[in-house]
Amino acid sequence: LRSGRIEGVIVGRALHDGRIGLADAMA
């Protein structure tokens, strides 16, 4: 981004389903 800011991302179903592991996501 040249200006402005994305401060986060929400993950729901993929975590609950086990498609993404949280440690892997943060890495």
mmCIF file of all heavy atoms, coordinates in Angstrom:
data_MODEL
# 
_entry.id   MODEL 
# 
loop_
_atom_site.group_PDB 
_atom_site.id 
_atom_site.type_symbol 
_atom_site.label_atom_id 
_atom_site.label_alt_id 
_atom_site.label_comp_id 
_atom_site.label_asym_id 
_atom_site.label_entity_id 
_atom_site.label_seq_id 
_atom_site.pdbx_PDB_ins_code 
_atom_site.Cartn_x 
_atom_site.Cartn_y 
_atom_site.Cartn_z 
_atom_site.occupancy 
_atom_site.B_iso_or_equiv 
_atom_site.pdbx_formal_charge 
_atom_site.auth_seq_id 
_atom_site.auth_comp_id 
_atom_site.auth_asym_id 
_atom_site.auth_atom_id 
_atom_site.pdbx_PDB_model_num 
ATOM 1   N N   . LEU A 1 1  ? 0.830   -1.202  0.000  1.00 0.00 ? 1  LEU A N   1 
ATOM 2   C CA  . LEU A 1 1  ? 0.000   0.000   0.000  1.00 0.00 ? 1  LEU A CA  1 
ATOM 3   C C   . LEU A 1 1  ? 0.866   1.254   0.000  1.00 0.00 ? 1  LEU A C   1 
ATOM 4   O O   . LEU A 1 1  ? 1.819   1.372   0.767  1.00 0.00 ? 1  LEU A O   1 
ATOM 5   C CB  . LEU A 1 1  ? -0.922  0.007   1.222  1.00 0.00 ? 1  LEU A CB  1 
ATOM 6   C CG  . LEU A 1 1  ? -2.079  -0.998  1.231  1.00 0.00 ? 1  LEU A CG  1 
ATOM 7   C CD1 . LEU A 1 1  ? -2.848  -0.888  2.539  1.00 0.00 ? 1  LEU A CD1 1 
ATOM 8   C CD2 . LEU A 1 1  ? -3.001  -0.787  0.047  1.00 0.00 ? 1  LEU A CD2 1 
ATOM 9   N N   . ARG A 1 2  ? 0.485   2.190   -0.833 1.00 0.00 ? 2  ARG A N   1 
ATOM 10  C CA  . ARG A 1 2  ? 1.199   3.479   -0.857 1.00 0.00 ? 2  ARG A CA  1 
ATOM 11  C C   . ARG A 1 2  ? 0.730   4.371   0.283  1.00 0.00 ? 2  ARG A C   1 
ATOM 12  O O   . ARG A 1 2  ? 1.491   5.168   0.823  1.00 0.00 ? 2  ARG A O   1 
ATOM 13  C CB  . ARG A 1 2  ? 0.969   4.174   -2.198 1.00 0.00 ? 2  ARG A CB  1 
ATOM 14  C CG  . ARG A 1 2  ? 1.558   3.410   -3.389 1.00 0.00 ? 2  ARG A CG  1 
ATOM 15  C CD  . ARG A 1 2  ? 1.337   4.177   -4.679 1.00 0.00 ? 2  ARG A CD  1 
ATOM 16  N NE  . ARG A 1 2  ? -0.073  4.407   -4.936 1.00 0.00 ? 2  ARG A NE  1 
ATOM 17  C CZ  . ARG A 1 2  ? -0.870  3.521   -5.540 1.00 0.00 ? 2  ARG A CZ  1 
ATOM 18  N NH1 . ARG A 1 2  ? -0.393  2.344   -5.909 1.00 0.00 ? 2  ARG A NH1 1 
ATOM 19  N NH2 . ARG A 1 2  ? -2.139  3.801   -5.764 1.00 0.00 ? 2  ARG A NH2 1 
ATOM 20  N N   . SER A 1 3  ? -0.536  4.273   0.596  1.00 0.00 ? 3  SER A N   1 
ATOM 21  C CA  . SER A 1 3  ? -1.109  4.992   1.732  1.00 0.00 ? 3  SER A CA  1 
ATOM 22  C C   . SER A 1 3  ? -2.170  4.093   2.335  1.00 0.00 ? 3  SER A C   1 
ATOM 23  O O   . SER A 1 3  ? -2.553  3.083   1.746  1.00 0.00 ? 3  SER A O   1 
ATOM 24  C CB  . SER A 1 3  ? -1.715  6.328   1.291  1.00 0.00 ? 3  SER A CB  1 
ATOM 25  O OG  . SER A 1 3  ? -2.770  6.107   0.372  1.00 0.00 ? 3  SER A OG  1 
ATOM 26  N N   . GLY A 1 4  ? -2.652  4.435   3.502  1.00 0.00 ? 4  GLY A N   1 
ATOM 27  C CA  . GLY A 1 4  ? -3.630  3.578   4.150  1.00 0.00 ? 4  GLY A CA  1 
ATOM 28  C C   . GLY A 1 4  ? -2.962  2.364   4.760  1.00 0.00 ? 4  GLY A C   1 
ATOM 29  O O   . GLY A 1 4  ? -1.757  2.130   4.604  1.00 0.00 ? 4  GLY A O   1 
ATOM 30  N N   . ARG A 1 5  ? -3.772  1.539   5.424  1.00 0.00 ? 5  ARG A N   1 
ATOM 31  C CA  . ARG A 1 5  ? -3.196  0.397   6.122  1.00 0.00 ? 5  ARG A CA  1 
ATOM 32  C C   . ARG A 1 5  ? -4.205  -0.737  6.237  1.00 0.00 ? 5  ARG A C   1 
ATOM 33  O O   . ARG A 1 5  ? -5.365  -0.527  6.575  1.00 0.00 ? 5  ARG A O   1 
ATOM 34  C CB  . ARG A 1 5  ? -2.739  0.822   7.530  1.00 0.00 ? 5  ARG A CB  1 
ATOM 35  C CG  . ARG A 1 5  ? -2.068  -0.288  8.339  1.00 0.00 ? 5  ARG A CG  1 
ATOM 36  C CD  . ARG A 1 5  ? -1.289  0.305   9.508  1.00 0.00 ? 5  ARG A CD  1 
ATOM 37  N NE  . ARG A 1 5  ? -2.130  0.983   10.456 1.00 0.00 ? 5  ARG A NE  1 
ATOM 38  C CZ  . ARG A 1 5  ? -2.601  0.423   11.575 1.00 0.00 ? 5  ARG A CZ  1 
ATOM 39  N NH1 . ARG A 1 5  ? -2.291  -0.833  11.863 1.00 0.00 ? 5  ARG A NH1 1 
ATOM 40  N NH2 . ARG A 1 5  ? -3.346  1.102   12.419 1.00 0.00 ? 5  ARG A NH2 1 
ATOM 41  N N   . ILE A 1 6  ? -3.761  -1.948  5.934  1.00 0.00 ? 6  ILE A N   1 
ATOM 42  C CA  . ILE A 1 6  ? -4.492  -3.165  6.263  1.00 0.00 ? 6  ILE A CA  1 
ATOM 43  C C   . ILE A 1 6  ? -3.889  -3.686  7.562  1.00 0.00 ? 6  ILE A C   1 
ATOM 44  O O   . ILE A 1 6  ? -2.703  -3.994  7.615  1.00 0.00 ? 6  ILE A O   1 
ATOM 45  C CB  . ILE A 1 6  ? -4.358  -4.215  5.143  1.00 0.00 ? 6  ILE A CB  1 
ATOM 46  C CG1 . ILE A 1 6  ? -5.059  -3.726  3.869  1.00 0.00 ? 6  ILE A CG1 1 
ATOM 47  C CG2 . ILE A 1 6  ? -4.962  -5.541  5.596  1.00 0.00 ? 6  ILE A CG2 1 
ATOM 48  C CD1 . ILE A 1 6  ? -4.871  -4.639  2.671  1.00 0.00 ? 6  ILE A CD1 1 
ATOM 49  N N   . GLU A 1 7  ? -4.702  -3.756  8.612  1.00 0.00 ? 7  GLU A N   1 
ATOM 50  C CA  . GLU A 1 7  ? -4.158  -4.102  9.921  1.00 0.00 ? 7  GLU A CA  1 
ATOM 51  C C   . GLU A 1 7  ? -4.419  -5.541  10.342 1.00 0.00 ? 7  GLU A C   1 
ATOM 52  O O   . GLU A 1 7  ? -3.917  -5.989  11.374 1.00 0.00 ? 7  GLU A O   1 
ATOM 53  C CB  . GLU A 1 7  ? -4.677  -3.158  11.000 1.00 0.00 ? 7  GLU A CB  1 
ATOM 54  C CG  . GLU A 1 7  ? -6.138  -3.345  11.364 1.00 0.00 ? 7  GLU A CG  1 
ATOM 55  C CD  . GLU A 1 7  ? -6.519  -2.570  12.617 1.00 0.00 ? 7  GLU A CD  1 
ATOM 56  O OE1 . GLU A 1 7  ? -5.659  -1.850  13.166 1.00 0.00 ? 7  GLU A OE1 1 
ATOM 57  O OE2 . GLU A 1 7  ? -7.688  -2.675  13.024 1.00 0.00 ? 7  GLU A OE2 1 
ATOM 58  N N   . GLY A 1 8  ? -5.200  -6.264  9.568  1.00 0.00 ? 8  GLY A N   1 
ATOM 59  C CA  . GLY A 1 8  ? -5.473  -7.636  9.964  1.00 0.00 ? 8  GLY A CA  1 
ATOM 60  C C   . GLY A 1 8  ? -6.252  -8.385  8.911  1.00 0.00 ? 8  GLY A C   1 
ATOM 61  O O   . GLY A 1 8  ? -6.717  -7.812  7.918  1.00 0.00 ? 8  GLY A O   1 
ATOM 62  N N   . VAL A 1 9  ? -6.383  -9.688  9.127  1.00 0.00 ? 9  VAL A N   1 
ATOM 63  C CA  . VAL A 1 9  ? -7.162  -10.547 8.246  1.00 0.00 ? 9  VAL A CA  1 
ATOM 64  C C   . VAL A 1 9  ? -7.901  -11.561 9.115  1.00 0.00 ? 9  VAL A C   1 
ATOM 65  O O   . VAL A 1 9  ? -7.340  -12.096 10.067 1.00 0.00 ? 9  VAL A O   1 
ATOM 66  C CB  . VAL A 1 9  ? -6.275  -11.245 7.194  1.00 0.00 ? 9  VAL A CB  1 
ATOM 67  C CG1 . VAL A 1 9  ? -5.137  -12.019 7.837  1.00 0.00 ? 9  VAL A CG1 1 
ATOM 68  C CG2 . VAL A 1 9  ? -7.091  -12.157 6.288  1.00 0.00 ? 9  VAL A CG2 1 
ATOM 69  N N   . ILE A 1 10 ? -9.161  -11.786 8.803  1.00 0.00 ? 10 ILE A N   1 
ATOM 70  C CA  . ILE A 1 10 ? -9.995  -12.707 9.573  1.00 0.00 ? 10 ILE A CA  1 
ATOM 71  C C   . ILE A 1 10 ? -10.059 -14.045 8.849  1.00 0.00 ? 10 ILE A C   1 
ATOM 72  O O   . ILE A 1 10 ? -10.349 -14.107 7.648  1.00 0.00 ? 10 ILE A O   1 
ATOM 73  C CB  . ILE A 1 10 ? -11.404 -12.118 9.764  1.00 0.00 ? 10 ILE A CB  1 
ATOM 74  C CG1 . ILE A 1 10 ? -11.329 -10.877 10.660 1.00 0.00 ? 10 ILE A CG1 1 
ATOM 75  C CG2 . ILE A 1 10 ? -12.353 -13.159 10.364 1.00 0.00 ? 10 ILE A CG2 1 
ATOM 76  C CD1 . ILE A 1 10 ? -12.612 -10.081 10.719 1.00 0.00 ? 10 ILE A CD1 1 
ATOM 77  N N   . VAL A 1 11 ? -9.797  -15.100 9.594  1.00 0.00 ? 11 VAL A N   1 
ATOM 78  C CA  . VAL A 1 11 ? -9.886  -16.461 9.065  1.00 0.00 ? 11 VAL A CA  1 
ATOM 79  C C   . VAL A 1 11 ? -10.877 -17.217 9.936  1.00 0.00 ? 11 VAL A C   1 
ATOM 80  O O   . VAL A 1 11 ? -10.755 -17.218 11.159 1.00 0.00 ? 11 VAL A O   1 
ATOM 81  C CB  . VAL A 1 11 ? -8.528  -17.181 9.084  1.00 0.00 ? 11 VAL A CB  1 
ATOM 82  C CG1 . VAL A 1 11 ? -8.634  -18.533 8.378  1.00 0.00 ? 11 VAL A CG1 1 
ATOM 83  C CG2 . VAL A 1 11 ? -7.446  -16.320 8.430  1.00 0.00 ? 11 VAL A CG2 1 
ATOM 84  N N   . GLY A 1 12 ? -11.857 -17.844 9.314  1.00 0.00 ? 12 GLY A N   1 
ATOM 85  C CA  . GLY A 1 12 ? -12.880 -18.563 10.065 1.00 0.00 ? 12 GLY A CA  1 
ATOM 86  C C   . GLY A 1 12 ? -12.976 -20.018 9.685  1.00 0.00 ? 12 GLY A C   1 
ATOM 87  O O   . GLY A 1 12 ? -12.371 -20.892 10.300 1.00 0.00 ? 12 GLY A O   1 
ATOM 88  N N   . ARG A 1 13 ? -13.720 -20.293 8.623  1.00 0.00 ? 13 ARG A N   1 
ATOM 89  C CA  . ARG A 1 13 ? -14.018 -21.674 8.249  1.00 0.00 ? 13 ARG A CA  1 
ATOM 90  C C   . ARG A 1 13 ? -12.758 -22.511 8.023  1.00 0.00 ? 13 ARG A C   1 
ATOM 91  O O   . ARG A 1 13 ? -12.698 -23.686 8.413  1.00 0.00 ? 13 ARG A O   1 
ATOM 92  C CB  . ARG A 1 13 ? -14.876 -21.664 6.982  1.00 0.00 ? 13 ARG A CB  1 
ATOM 93  C CG  . ARG A 1 13 ? -15.319 -23.055 6.538  1.00 0.00 ? 13 ARG A CG  1 
ATOM 94  C CD  . ARG A 1 13 ? -16.169 -22.974 5.297  1.00 0.00 ? 13 ARG A CD  1 
ATOM 95  N NE  . ARG A 1 13 ? -16.507 -24.314 4.813  1.00 0.00 ? 13 ARG A NE  1 
ATOM 96  C CZ  . ARG A 1 13 ? -17.060 -24.548 3.635  1.00 0.00 ? 13 ARG A CZ  1 
ATOM 97  N NH1 . ARG A 1 13 ? -17.348 -23.543 2.818  1.00 0.00 ? 13 ARG A NH1 1 
ATOM 98  N NH2 . ARG A 1 13 ? -17.334 -25.784 3.262  1.00 0.00 ? 13 ARG A NH2 1 
ATOM 99  N N   . ALA A 1 14 ? -11.738 -21.938 7.387  1.00 0.00 ? 14 ALA A N   1 
ATOM 100 C CA  . ALA A 1 14 ? -10.526 -22.707 7.074  1.00 0.00 ? 14 ALA A CA  1 
ATOM 101 C C   . ALA A 1 14 ? -9.827  -23.196 8.335  1.00 0.00 ? 14 ALA A C   1 
ATOM 102 O O   . ALA A 1 14 ? -9.244  -24.283 8.344  1.00 0.00 ? 14 ALA A O   1 
ATOM 103 C CB  . ALA A 1 14 ? -9.570  -21.877 6.231  1.00 0.00 ? 14 ALA A CB  1 
ATOM 104 N N   . LEU A 1 15 ? -9.891  -22.410 9.405  1.00 0.00 ? 15 LEU A N   1 
ATOM 105 C CA  . LEU A 1 15 ? -9.308  -22.850 10.678 1.00 0.00 ? 15 LEU A CA  1 
ATOM 106 C C   . LEU A 1 15 ? -10.162 -23.939 11.312 1.00 0.00 ? 15 LEU A C   1 
ATOM 107 O O   . LEU A 1 15 ? -9.651  -24.959 11.783 1.00 0.00 ? 15 LEU A O   1 
ATOM 108 C CB  . LEU A 1 15 ? -9.174  -21.666 11.638 1.00 0.00 ? 15 LEU A CB  1 
ATOM 109 C CG  . LEU A 1 15 ? -8.061  -20.655 11.356 1.00 0.00 ? 15 LEU A CG  1 
ATOM 110 C CD1 . LEU A 1 15 ? -8.151  -19.498 12.348 1.00 0.00 ? 15 LEU A CD1 1 
ATOM 111 C CD2 . LEU A 1 15 ? -6.690  -21.315 11.431 1.00 0.00 ? 15 LEU A CD2 1 
ATOM 112 N N   . HIS A 1 16 ? -11.466 -23.719 11.326 1.00 0.00 ? 16 HIS A N   1 
ATOM 113 C CA  . HIS A 1 16 ? -12.366 -24.700 11.946 1.00 0.00 ? 16 HIS A CA  1 
ATOM 114 C C   . HIS A 1 16 ? -12.332 -26.037 11.210 1.00 0.00 ? 16 HIS A C   1 
ATOM 115 O O   . HIS A 1 16 ? -12.446 -27.099 11.829 1.00 0.00 ? 16 HIS A O   1 
ATOM 116 C CB  . HIS A 1 16 ? -13.794 -24.156 11.981 1.00 0.00 ? 16 HIS A CB  1 
ATOM 117 C CG  . HIS A 1 16 ? -14.010 -23.079 12.988 1.00 0.00 ? 16 HIS A CG  1 
ATOM 118 N ND1 . HIS A 1 16 ? -14.062 -23.319 14.350 1.00 0.00 ? 16 HIS A ND1 1 
ATOM 119 C CD2 . HIS A 1 16 ? -14.184 -21.736 12.855 1.00 0.00 ? 16 HIS A CD2 1 
ATOM 120 C CE1 . HIS A 1 16 ? -14.259 -22.182 14.992 1.00 0.00 ? 16 HIS A CE1 1 
ATOM 121 N NE2 . HIS A 1 16 ? -14.341 -21.212 14.109 1.00 0.00 ? 16 HIS A NE2 1 
ATOM 122 N N   . ASP A 1 17 ? -12.185 -25.981 9.889  1.00 0.00 ? 17 ASP A N   1 
ATOM 123 C CA  . ASP A 1 17 ? -12.141 -27.208 9.087  1.00 0.00 ? 17 ASP A CA  1 
ATOM 124 C C   . ASP A 1 17 ? -10.781 -27.893 9.114  1.00 0.00 ? 17 ASP A C   1 
ATOM 125 O O   . ASP A 1 17 ? -10.651 -29.019 8.631  1.00 0.00 ? 17 ASP A O   1 
ATOM 126 C CB  . ASP A 1 17 ? -12.480 -26.894 7.623  1.00 0.00 ? 17 ASP A CB  1 
ATOM 127 C CG  . ASP A 1 17 ? -13.965 -26.648 7.398  1.00 0.00 ? 17 ASP A CG  1 
ATOM 128 O OD1 . ASP A 1 17 ? -14.742 -26.838 8.357  1.00 0.00 ? 17 ASP A OD1 1 
ATOM 129 O OD2 . ASP A 1 17 ? -14.338 -26.266 6.276  1.00 0.00 ? 17 ASP A OD2 1 
ATOM 130 N N   . GLY A 1 18 ? -9.776  -27.189 9.633  1.00 0.00 ? 18 GLY A N   1 
ATOM 131 C CA  . GLY A 1 18 ? -8.437  -27.751 9.647  1.00 0.00 ? 18 GLY A CA  1 
ATOM 132 C C   . GLY A 1 18 ? -7.690  -27.608 8.334  1.00 0.00 ? 18 GLY A C   1 
ATOM 133 O O   . GLY A 1 18 ? -6.624  -28.209 8.146  1.00 0.00 ? 18 GLY A O   1 
ATOM 134 N N   . ARG A 1 19 ? -8.221  -26.809 7.416  1.00 0.00 ? 19 ARG A N   1 
ATOM 135 C CA  . ARG A 1 19 ? -7.534  -26.594 6.141  1.00 0.00 ? 19 ARG A CA  1 
ATOM 136 C C   . ARG A 1 19 ? -6.263  -25.775 6.334  1.00 0.00 ? 19 ARG A C   1 
ATOM 137 O O   . ARG A 1 19 ? -5.313  -25.895 5.552  1.00 0.00 ? 19 ARG A O   1 
ATOM 138 C CB  . ARG A 1 19 ? -8.458  -25.871 5.152  1.00 0.00 ? 19 ARG A CB  1 
ATOM 139 C CG  . ARG A 1 19 ? -9.678  -26.677 4.755  1.00 0.00 ? 19 ARG A CG  1 
ATOM 140 C CD  . ARG A 1 19 ? -10.692 -25.808 4.034  1.00 0.00 ? 19 ARG A CD  1 
ATOM 141 N NE  . ARG A 1 19 ? -11.932 -26.533 3.814  1.00 0.00 ? 19 ARG A NE  1 
ATOM 142 C CZ  . ARG A 1 19 ? -12.264 -27.116 2.658  1.00 0.00 ? 19 ARG A CZ  1 
ATOM 143 N NH1 . ARG A 1 19 ? -11.431 -27.036 1.633  1.00 0.00 ? 19 ARG A NH1 1 
ATOM 144 N NH2 . ARG A 1 19 ? -13.395 -27.759 2.542  1.00 0.00 ? 19 ARG A NH2 1 
ATOM 145 N N   . ILE A 1 20 ? -6.292  -24.906 7.338  1.00 0.00 ? 20 ILE A N   1 
ATOM 146 C CA  . ILE A 1 20 ? -5.136  -24.078 7.681  1.00 0.00 ? 20 ILE A CA  1 
ATOM 147 C C   . ILE A 1 20 ? -4.841  -24.281 9.157  1.00 0.00 ? 20 ILE A C   1 
ATOM 148 O O   . ILE A 1 20 ? -5.753  -24.210 9.993  1.00 0.00 ? 20 ILE A O   1 
ATOM 149 C CB  . ILE A 1 20 ? -5.399  -22.578 7.421  1.00 0.00 ? 20 ILE A CB  1 
ATOM 150 C CG1 . ILE A 1 20 ? -5.615  -22.315 5.927  1.00 0.00 ? 20 ILE A CG1 1 
ATOM 151 C CG2 . ILE A 1 20 ? -4.256  -21.724 7.939  1.00 0.00 ? 20 ILE A CG2 1 
ATOM 152 C CD1 . ILE A 1 20 ? -5.950  -20.865 5.617  1.00 0.00 ? 20 ILE A CD1 1 
ATOM 153 N N   . GLY A 1 21 ? -3.584  -24.507 9.482  1.00 0.00 ? 21 GLY A N   1 
ATOM 154 C CA  . GLY A 1 21 ? -3.167  -24.510 10.878 1.00 0.00 ? 21 GLY A CA  1 
ATOM 155 C C   . GLY A 1 21 ? -2.787  -23.094 11.280 1.00 0.00 ? 21 GLY A C   1 
ATOM 156 O O   . GLY A 1 21 ? -2.173  -22.362 10.493 1.00 0.00 ? 21 GLY A O   1 
ATOM 157 N N   . LEU A 1 22 ? -3.161  -22.693 12.487 1.00 0.00 ? 22 LEU A N   1 
ATOM 158 C CA  . LEU A 1 22 ? -2.934  -21.307 12.884 1.00 0.00 ? 22 LEU A CA  1 
ATOM 159 C C   . LEU A 1 22 ? -1.450  -20.952 12.919 1.00 0.00 ? 22 LEU A C   1 
ATOM 160 O O   . LEU A 1 22 ? -1.049  -19.875 12.480 1.00 0.00 ? 22 LEU A O   1 
ATOM 161 C CB  . LEU A 1 22 ? -3.576  -21.041 14.241 1.00 0.00 ? 22 LEU A CB  1 
ATOM 162 C CG  . LEU A 1 22 ? -3.513  -19.591 14.725 1.00 0.00 ? 22 LEU A CG  1 
ATOM 163 C CD1 . LEU A 1 22 ? -4.098  -18.634 13.700 1.00 0.00 ? 22 LEU A CD1 1 
ATOM 164 C CD2 . LEU A 1 22 ? -4.251  -19.436 16.048 1.00 0.00 ? 22 LEU A CD2 1 
ATOM 165 N N   . ALA A 1 23 ? -0.617  -21.851 13.410 1.00 0.00 ? 23 ALA A N   1 
ATOM 166 C CA  . ALA A 1 23 ? 0.822   -21.573 13.439 1.00 0.00 ? 23 ALA A CA  1 
ATOM 167 C C   . ALA A 1 23 ? 1.357   -21.374 12.026 1.00 0.00 ? 23 ALA A C   1 
ATOM 168 O O   . ALA A 1 23 ? 2.164   -20.462 11.764 1.00 0.00 ? 23 ALA A O   1 
ATOM 169 C CB  . ALA A 1 23 ? 1.568   -22.708 14.139 1.00 0.00 ? 23 ALA A CB  1 
ATOM 170 N N   . ASP A 1 24 ? 0.901   -22.205 11.091 1.00 0.00 ? 24 ASP A N   1 
ATOM 171 C CA  . ASP A 1 24 ? 1.316   -22.065 9.695  1.00 0.00 ? 24 ASP A CA  1 
ATOM 172 C C   . ASP A 1 24 ? 0.812   -20.752 9.103  1.00 0.00 ? 24 ASP A C   1 
ATOM 173 O O   . ASP A 1 24 ? 1.507   -20.099 8.315  1.00 0.00 ? 24 ASP A O   1 
ATOM 174 C CB  . ASP A 1 24 ? 0.795   -23.234 8.858  1.00 0.00 ? 24 ASP A CB  1 
ATOM 175 C CG  . ASP A 1 24 ? 1.451   -24.550 9.211  1.00 0.00 ? 24 ASP A CG  1 
ATOM 176 O OD1 . ASP A 1 24 ? 2.590   -24.529 9.743  1.00 0.00 ? 24 ASP A OD1 1 
ATOM 177 O OD2 . ASP A 1 24 ? 0.825   -25.599 8.962  1.00 0.00 ? 24 ASP A OD2 1 
ATOM 178 N N   . ALA A 1 25 ? -0.409  -20.377 9.471  1.00 0.00 ? 25 ALA A N   1 
ATOM 179 C CA  . ALA A 1 25 ? -0.986  -19.137 8.965  1.00 0.00 ? 25 ALA A CA  1 
ATOM 180 C C   . ALA A 1 25 ? -0.159  -17.933 9.402  1.00 0.00 ? 25 ALA A C   1 
ATOM 181 O O   . ALA A 1 25 ? 0.155   -17.046 8.589  1.00 0.00 ? 25 ALA A O   1 
ATOM 182 C CB  . ALA A 1 25 ? -2.427  -18.991 9.459  1.00 0.00 ? 25 ALA A CB  1 
ATOM 183 N N   . MET A 1 26 ? 0.208   -17.907 10.662 1.00 0.00 ? 26 MET A N   1 
ATOM 184 C CA  . MET A 1 26 ? 0.972   -16.762 11.158 1.00 0.00 ? 26 MET A CA  1 
ATOM 185 C C   . MET A 1 26 ? 2.375   -16.751 10.566 1.00 0.00 ? 26 MET A C   1 
ATOM 186 O O   . MET A 1 26 ? 2.931   -15.689 10.271 1.00 0.00 ? 26 MET A O   1 
ATOM 187 C CB  . MET A 1 26 ? 0.988   -16.779 12.681 1.00 0.00 ? 26 MET A CB  1 
ATOM 188 C CG  . MET A 1 26 ? -0.429  -16.655 13.244 1.00 0.00 ? 26 MET A CG  1 
ATOM 189 S SD  . MET A 1 26 ? -0.511  -16.394 15.000 1.00 0.00 ? 26 MET A SD  1 
ATOM 190 C CE  . MET A 1 26 ? 0.074   -14.726 15.134 1.00 0.00 ? 26 MET A CE  1 
ATOM 191 N N   . ALA A 1 27 ? 2.944   -17.926 10.338 1.00 0.00 ? 27 ALA A N   1 
ATOM 192 C CA  . ALA A 1 27 ? 4.259   -17.994 9.701  1.00 0.00 ? 27 ALA A CA  1 
ATOM 193 C C   . ALA A 1 27 ? 4.184   -17.489 8.263  1.00 0.00 ? 27 ALA A C   1 
ATOM 194 O O   . ALA A 1 27 ? 5.098   -16.791 7.796  1.00 0.00 ? 27 ALA A O   1 
ATOM 195 C CB  . ALA A 1 27 ? 4.781   -19.429 9.724  1.00 0.00 ? 27 ALA A CB  1 
# 
